[in-house]
N, C-alpha and C. Protein backbone atom coordinates (compact mmCIF):
# COMPACT_ATOMS: atom_id res chain seq x y z
N GLN A 1 128.12 128.74 114.05
CA GLN A 1 126.75 128.61 114.39
C GLN A 1 126.60 127.40 115.21
N VAL A 2 125.61 127.32 116.19
CA VAL A 2 125.51 126.18 117.07
C VAL A 2 124.01 125.81 117.17
N GLN A 3 123.31 124.95 117.07
CA GLN A 3 122.22 124.08 116.73
C GLN A 3 122.01 123.46 117.84
N LEU A 4 120.75 124.11 118.68
CA LEU A 4 120.40 123.05 119.71
C LEU A 4 119.06 122.54 119.46
N VAL A 5 118.69 121.40 119.85
CA VAL A 5 117.75 120.42 119.93
C VAL A 5 117.16 119.80 120.96
N GLU A 6 116.05 120.37 121.52
CA GLU A 6 115.39 119.61 122.56
C GLU A 6 114.66 118.48 122.24
N SER A 7 114.39 117.77 123.04
CA SER A 7 113.43 116.42 122.90
C SER A 7 113.06 115.88 124.35
N GLY A 8 112.06 115.13 124.36
CA GLY A 8 111.62 114.36 125.85
C GLY A 8 110.65 115.01 126.17
N GLY A 9 110.26 116.21 126.15
CA GLY A 9 109.05 116.69 126.77
C GLY A 9 107.95 115.73 126.53
N GLY A 10 106.96 115.95 127.56
CA GLY A 10 105.31 115.55 127.30
C GLY A 10 104.65 115.65 128.57
N LEU A 11 103.21 115.03 128.40
CA LEU A 11 102.55 114.98 129.80
C LEU A 11 102.79 114.06 130.50
N VAL A 12 102.75 114.32 131.90
CA VAL A 12 102.97 113.50 133.21
C VAL A 12 102.45 113.57 134.33
N GLN A 13 101.77 112.66 134.97
CA GLN A 13 101.30 112.95 136.45
C GLN A 13 102.20 113.38 137.57
N ALA A 14 101.80 114.08 138.37
CA ALA A 14 102.55 115.08 139.22
C ALA A 14 103.25 113.61 140.05
N GLY A 15 104.48 114.02 140.47
CA GLY A 15 105.01 112.70 141.03
C GLY A 15 105.95 111.84 139.77
N GLY A 16 105.64 112.17 139.10
CA GLY A 16 106.24 111.53 137.72
C GLY A 16 107.76 112.15 137.61
N SER A 17 108.24 111.27 136.48
CA SER A 17 109.77 111.96 135.71
C SER A 17 109.53 111.97 134.37
N LEU A 18 110.59 113.07 134.01
CA LEU A 18 110.65 112.87 132.88
C LEU A 18 112.21 113.54 132.08
N ARG A 19 112.84 112.76 131.35
CA ARG A 19 114.18 113.15 130.84
C ARG A 19 114.41 114.07 129.78
N LEU A 20 114.53 115.22 129.81
CA LEU A 20 114.84 116.15 128.39
C LEU A 20 116.35 115.90 128.08
N SER A 21 116.90 116.28 126.81
CA SER A 21 118.00 115.95 126.12
C SER A 21 118.05 117.23 125.24
N CYS A 22 119.33 117.62 125.17
CA CYS A 22 119.57 118.51 124.10
C CYS A 22 120.89 118.52 123.44
N ALA A 23 120.77 118.10 122.11
CA ALA A 23 121.67 117.64 121.51
C ALA A 23 122.14 119.17 120.33
N ALA A 24 123.65 119.05 121.07
CA ALA A 24 124.01 120.49 120.01
C ALA A 24 124.91 119.80 118.70
N SER A 25 124.73 120.72 117.75
CA SER A 25 125.86 120.74 116.89
C SER A 25 126.21 121.81 116.30
N GLY A 26 127.04 122.20 115.36
CA GLY A 26 127.83 123.05 114.69
C GLY A 26 128.94 123.08 115.69
N ARG A 27 129.53 124.69 115.62
CA ARG A 27 130.50 125.06 116.61
C ARG A 27 130.70 125.12 117.66
N THR A 28 130.70 123.88 118.39
CA THR A 28 130.14 123.92 119.90
C THR A 28 131.59 123.68 120.66
N GLY A 29 132.56 123.79 119.99
CA GLY A 29 133.89 123.83 120.59
C GLY A 29 134.43 125.11 121.74
N SER A 30 133.43 126.07 121.27
CA SER A 30 133.87 127.27 122.03
C SER A 30 132.84 127.19 123.30
N THR A 31 131.89 126.49 123.33
CA THR A 31 130.82 126.29 124.52
C THR A 31 131.50 126.08 125.81
N TYR A 32 131.11 127.36 126.73
CA TYR A 32 131.72 127.05 128.06
C TYR A 32 130.70 126.16 128.87
N ALA A 33 129.59 126.35 128.93
CA ALA A 33 128.25 125.89 129.74
C ALA A 33 127.10 125.65 128.71
N MET A 34 126.54 125.20 129.57
CA MET A 34 124.92 124.77 128.82
C MET A 34 123.76 124.95 130.11
N GLY A 35 122.90 125.79 129.65
CA GLY A 35 121.79 125.79 130.75
C GLY A 35 120.33 125.02 130.42
N TRP A 36 119.59 125.08 131.08
CA TRP A 36 117.98 124.77 130.99
C TRP A 36 117.34 125.98 131.65
N PHE A 37 116.48 126.42 130.96
CA PHE A 37 115.44 127.52 131.38
C PHE A 37 114.06 126.97 131.01
N ARG A 38 113.19 127.58 131.50
CA ARG A 38 111.74 127.46 131.42
C ARG A 38 110.78 128.55 131.39
N GLN A 39 109.84 128.66 130.63
CA GLN A 39 109.10 129.79 130.73
C GLN A 39 107.21 129.24 130.73
N ALA A 40 106.62 129.67 131.80
CA ALA A 40 105.21 128.94 132.01
C ALA A 40 104.65 130.19 131.41
N PRO A 41 103.28 130.00 130.73
CA PRO A 41 102.38 131.41 130.12
C PRO A 41 102.18 132.22 130.61
N GLY A 42 102.48 133.34 130.55
CA GLY A 42 102.31 134.79 131.18
C GLY A 42 103.26 134.88 132.29
N LYS A 43 104.48 134.25 132.23
CA LYS A 43 105.53 134.31 133.10
C LYS A 43 106.77 134.60 132.21
N GLU A 44 108.00 135.01 133.17
CA GLU A 44 109.19 135.55 132.31
C GLU A 44 109.77 134.25 132.27
N ARG A 45 110.78 133.88 131.38
CA ARG A 45 111.94 132.84 131.35
C ARG A 45 112.60 132.92 132.88
N GLU A 46 112.62 131.53 133.11
CA GLU A 46 113.65 131.58 134.72
C GLU A 46 114.29 130.47 134.43
N PHE A 47 115.37 130.75 135.01
CA PHE A 47 116.62 129.53 135.22
C PHE A 47 116.07 127.94 135.80
N VAL A 48 117.21 126.82 135.10
CA VAL A 48 116.37 126.12 135.91
C VAL A 48 117.74 125.52 136.50
N ALA A 49 118.45 125.23 135.47
CA ALA A 49 120.10 124.34 136.02
C ALA A 49 121.06 124.47 134.75
N ALA A 50 122.35 124.78 134.95
CA ALA A 50 123.38 124.53 134.15
C ALA A 50 124.54 123.91 134.29
N ILE A 51 125.27 123.93 133.54
CA ILE A 51 126.06 122.60 133.54
C ILE A 51 127.78 122.95 132.93
N THR A 52 128.93 123.52 133.64
CA THR A 52 129.99 123.53 132.63
C THR A 52 130.38 122.61 131.71
N TRP A 53 130.88 122.70 130.59
CA TRP A 53 130.95 121.66 129.80
C TRP A 53 132.19 120.92 130.06
N SER A 54 133.21 121.41 130.25
CA SER A 54 134.41 120.80 130.46
C SER A 54 134.41 120.43 132.12
N ALA A 55 134.42 120.79 133.14
CA ALA A 55 134.41 120.17 134.41
C ALA A 55 133.36 119.38 134.85
N GLY A 56 132.17 120.01 134.35
CA GLY A 56 130.84 119.16 134.69
C GLY A 56 130.48 119.93 135.98
N ARG A 57 130.37 121.19 136.41
CA ARG A 57 130.31 121.83 137.62
C ARG A 57 128.56 122.10 137.05
N SER A 58 127.81 121.87 138.36
CA SER A 58 126.38 122.04 138.22
C SER A 58 125.58 123.17 138.99
N TYR A 59 124.49 123.94 138.58
CA TYR A 59 124.13 124.89 139.35
C TYR A 59 122.69 124.52 139.09
N TYR A 60 121.99 124.98 140.18
CA TYR A 60 120.31 124.46 140.11
C TYR A 60 119.56 125.84 140.80
N ALA A 61 118.59 126.19 140.19
CA ALA A 61 117.72 126.86 140.91
C ALA A 61 117.03 126.29 142.30
N ASP A 62 116.70 127.08 143.36
CA ASP A 62 116.19 126.43 144.40
C ASP A 62 114.96 125.71 144.29
N SER A 63 114.15 126.56 143.17
CA SER A 63 112.90 125.38 142.96
C SER A 63 112.96 123.99 142.65
N VAL A 64 114.25 123.62 142.05
CA VAL A 64 114.35 121.93 141.50
C VAL A 64 115.50 121.54 142.43
N LYS A 65 116.03 122.18 143.27
CA LYS A 65 116.88 121.54 143.52
C LYS A 65 116.52 120.34 144.52
N GLY A 66 117.63 119.04 144.38
CA GLY A 66 117.03 117.98 145.12
C GLY A 66 115.93 116.81 144.30
N ARG A 67 115.25 117.51 143.06
CA ARG A 67 114.56 117.03 142.24
C ARG A 67 115.17 116.78 140.77
N PHE A 68 115.64 117.88 140.45
CA PHE A 68 116.35 117.91 138.79
C PHE A 68 117.62 117.48 138.82
N THR A 69 118.07 116.86 137.84
CA THR A 69 119.66 116.77 137.69
C THR A 69 120.08 117.13 136.47
N ILE A 70 120.97 117.75 136.51
CA ILE A 70 121.64 118.20 134.94
C ILE A 70 122.86 117.45 134.76
N SER A 71 123.02 116.80 133.60
CA SER A 71 124.12 116.33 132.98
C SER A 71 124.61 116.14 131.41
N ARG A 72 125.88 115.64 131.50
CA ARG A 72 126.38 116.14 130.12
C ARG A 72 126.90 114.85 129.64
N ASP A 73 127.08 114.74 128.20
CA ASP A 73 127.61 113.59 127.55
C ASP A 73 128.64 114.26 126.55
N ASN A 74 129.85 114.58 127.05
CA ASN A 74 130.52 115.44 126.15
C ASN A 74 130.87 114.70 124.35
N ALA A 75 130.91 113.38 124.54
CA ALA A 75 131.18 112.71 123.37
C ALA A 75 129.75 112.75 122.37
N LYS A 76 128.73 112.53 122.96
CA LYS A 76 127.47 112.90 121.95
C LYS A 76 127.10 114.35 121.89
N ASN A 77 128.09 115.47 122.38
CA ASN A 77 127.48 116.91 122.54
C ASN A 77 126.02 116.88 123.09
N THR A 78 125.82 116.53 124.08
CA THR A 78 124.17 115.97 124.48
C THR A 78 124.22 116.67 126.08
N VAL A 79 123.32 117.47 126.75
CA VAL A 79 122.92 117.93 127.84
C VAL A 79 121.63 117.32 128.04
N TYR A 80 121.48 116.63 129.20
CA TYR A 80 120.12 116.03 129.87
C TYR A 80 119.83 116.86 130.93
N LEU A 81 118.09 116.37 131.15
CA LEU A 81 117.86 117.13 132.91
C LEU A 81 116.75 116.13 133.33
N GLN A 82 117.10 115.28 134.05
CA GLN A 82 116.28 114.27 134.57
C GLN A 82 115.60 115.27 135.60
N MET A 83 114.23 115.36 135.18
CA MET A 83 113.60 115.45 136.37
C MET A 83 112.54 114.68 136.83
N ASN A 84 112.65 114.69 138.44
CA ASN A 84 112.14 113.47 139.49
C ASN A 84 111.25 114.43 140.23
N SER A 85 109.90 113.71 140.73
CA SER A 85 109.06 114.24 141.67
C SER A 85 108.24 115.55 141.03
N LEU A 86 108.02 115.59 139.93
CA LEU A 86 107.75 116.40 139.10
C LEU A 86 106.40 117.27 140.08
N LYS A 87 106.17 118.42 139.54
CA LYS A 87 105.19 118.93 140.41
C LYS A 87 104.00 119.84 139.16
N PRO A 88 102.85 120.13 139.30
CA PRO A 88 102.19 120.92 138.25
C PRO A 88 102.79 122.47 138.41
N GLU A 89 103.40 122.98 139.13
CA GLU A 89 104.40 124.33 138.90
C GLU A 89 105.51 124.05 137.95
N ASP A 90 105.66 122.96 137.49
CA ASP A 90 106.85 122.71 136.78
C ASP A 90 106.54 122.85 135.44
N THR A 91 105.04 122.93 135.06
CA THR A 91 104.44 123.05 133.70
C THR A 91 105.21 124.38 132.96
N ALA A 92 105.47 123.76 132.11
CA ALA A 92 106.24 125.26 131.28
C ALA A 92 107.08 124.65 129.81
N VAL A 93 107.51 125.54 128.87
CA VAL A 93 108.15 124.74 127.84
C VAL A 93 109.79 125.08 128.55
N TYR A 94 110.51 124.41 128.09
CA TYR A 94 112.07 124.02 128.88
C TYR A 94 112.61 124.27 127.42
N TYR A 95 113.50 125.24 127.76
CA TYR A 95 114.33 125.83 126.62
C TYR A 95 116.12 125.41 127.35
N CYS A 96 116.76 124.74 126.05
CA CYS A 96 118.00 124.46 126.46
C CYS A 96 119.18 126.02 125.81
N ALA A 97 119.85 126.04 126.35
CA ALA A 97 120.65 127.35 126.14
C ALA A 97 122.39 127.10 125.99
N GLY A 98 123.26 127.55 125.41
CA GLY A 98 124.43 127.38 125.44
C GLY A 98 125.35 128.76 125.91
N ARG A 99 126.36 128.92 126.45
CA ARG A 99 127.08 130.19 126.38
C ARG A 99 128.69 130.17 126.30
N ARG A 100 129.47 131.15 125.55
CA ARG A 100 130.71 130.56 125.75
C ARG A 100 131.38 131.58 126.96
N SER A 101 130.62 132.38 127.59
CA SER A 101 131.10 133.20 128.48
C SER A 101 131.46 132.46 129.94
N VAL A 102 132.68 132.82 130.15
CA VAL A 102 133.26 131.75 131.58
C VAL A 102 132.05 132.83 132.61
N ILE A 103 131.63 131.72 133.60
CA ILE A 103 130.47 132.00 134.81
C ILE A 103 131.45 132.19 136.25
N VAL A 104 130.97 133.75 136.10
CA VAL A 104 131.79 134.39 137.40
C VAL A 104 130.76 134.90 138.55
N THR A 105 129.54 134.30 138.24
CA THR A 105 128.60 134.67 139.31
C THR A 105 128.34 133.12 140.36
N THR A 106 127.44 133.56 141.25
CA THR A 106 127.11 132.24 142.05
C THR A 106 126.21 131.24 141.14
N LEU A 107 125.43 132.25 140.60
CA LEU A 107 124.47 131.41 139.57
C LEU A 107 124.43 132.11 138.20
N PRO A 108 124.67 130.99 137.55
CA PRO A 108 124.43 131.71 136.15
C PRO A 108 123.46 131.60 135.40
N ASN A 109 122.12 132.47 136.10
CA ASN A 109 120.80 132.37 135.85
C ASN A 109 120.56 133.96 134.79
N ARG A 110 120.94 134.30 134.29
CA ARG A 110 120.63 135.50 133.10
C ARG A 110 120.38 134.81 131.96
N PRO A 111 119.20 134.92 131.31
CA PRO A 111 119.29 134.63 129.94
C PRO A 111 120.29 135.42 129.10
N ASN A 112 120.24 136.70 129.29
CA ASN A 112 120.94 137.33 128.65
C ASN A 112 122.53 136.81 128.25
N GLU A 113 123.00 136.17 129.20
CA GLU A 113 124.48 135.46 129.57
C GLU A 113 124.75 134.44 128.35
N TYR A 114 123.55 134.04 127.84
CA TYR A 114 123.01 132.50 126.83
C TYR A 114 123.27 133.38 125.30
N GLY A 115 124.30 132.65 124.71
CA GLY A 115 124.18 133.04 123.33
C GLY A 115 123.26 132.21 122.03
N TYR A 116 123.03 131.24 122.68
CA TYR A 116 122.28 130.19 121.67
C TYR A 116 121.50 129.30 122.23
N TRP A 117 120.06 129.24 121.67
CA TRP A 117 118.66 128.69 122.20
C TRP A 117 118.19 127.67 121.15
N GLY A 118 117.46 126.66 121.94
CA GLY A 118 116.74 125.37 121.33
C GLY A 118 115.53 126.14 120.94
N GLN A 119 114.59 125.29 120.30
CA GLN A 119 113.54 125.94 120.07
C GLN A 119 112.38 125.56 121.38
N GLY A 120 112.85 124.65 122.28
CA GLY A 120 111.79 124.76 123.34
C GLY A 120 111.03 123.24 123.08
N THR A 121 110.88 122.51 124.08
CA THR A 121 110.09 121.39 124.69
C THR A 121 108.86 121.60 125.80
N GLN A 122 107.62 121.11 125.60
CA GLN A 122 106.67 121.38 126.33
C GLN A 122 106.60 120.31 127.25
N VAL A 123 106.56 120.60 129.02
CA VAL A 123 106.74 119.76 129.60
C VAL A 123 105.36 120.23 130.50
N THR A 124 104.30 119.05 130.43
CA THR A 124 103.07 119.46 131.13
C THR A 124 102.96 118.21 132.52
N VAL A 125 102.52 118.68 133.62
CA VAL A 125 102.38 118.08 134.73
C VAL A 125 101.26 118.15 134.85
N SER A 126 100.52 117.05 135.13
CA SER A 126 98.78 117.26 135.72
C SER A 126 98.87 116.48 137.32
N SER A 127 97.63 117.50 137.69
CA SER A 127 98.00 117.03 139.21
C SER A 127 96.52 116.30 139.44
């Protein structure tokens, strides 16, 4: 079992920044990659970014490229999402997720490829 706990969400004005953290515990040794997804009210869960645990290769949705940065600290078993130049449309619950399977697609954006999830943290961007 792997447990994921997100933190760092909150309310910020448009143009501002937030950094989300996701701390992993439990049987994390077989984790291949970690990802961030988000879900706004009435919308489907959508991919934001992912990073491979060992090599640190990163992937981004087009909507956040150039504004968000995903990183990881292997020693702390923690993944971060630095969000800059936030927009009202970034408002959503942000979820951290982990996967054991190797990434074979150009973009690892399918929620069903991730086997474990955190509880989510709310990010609200005001205009």
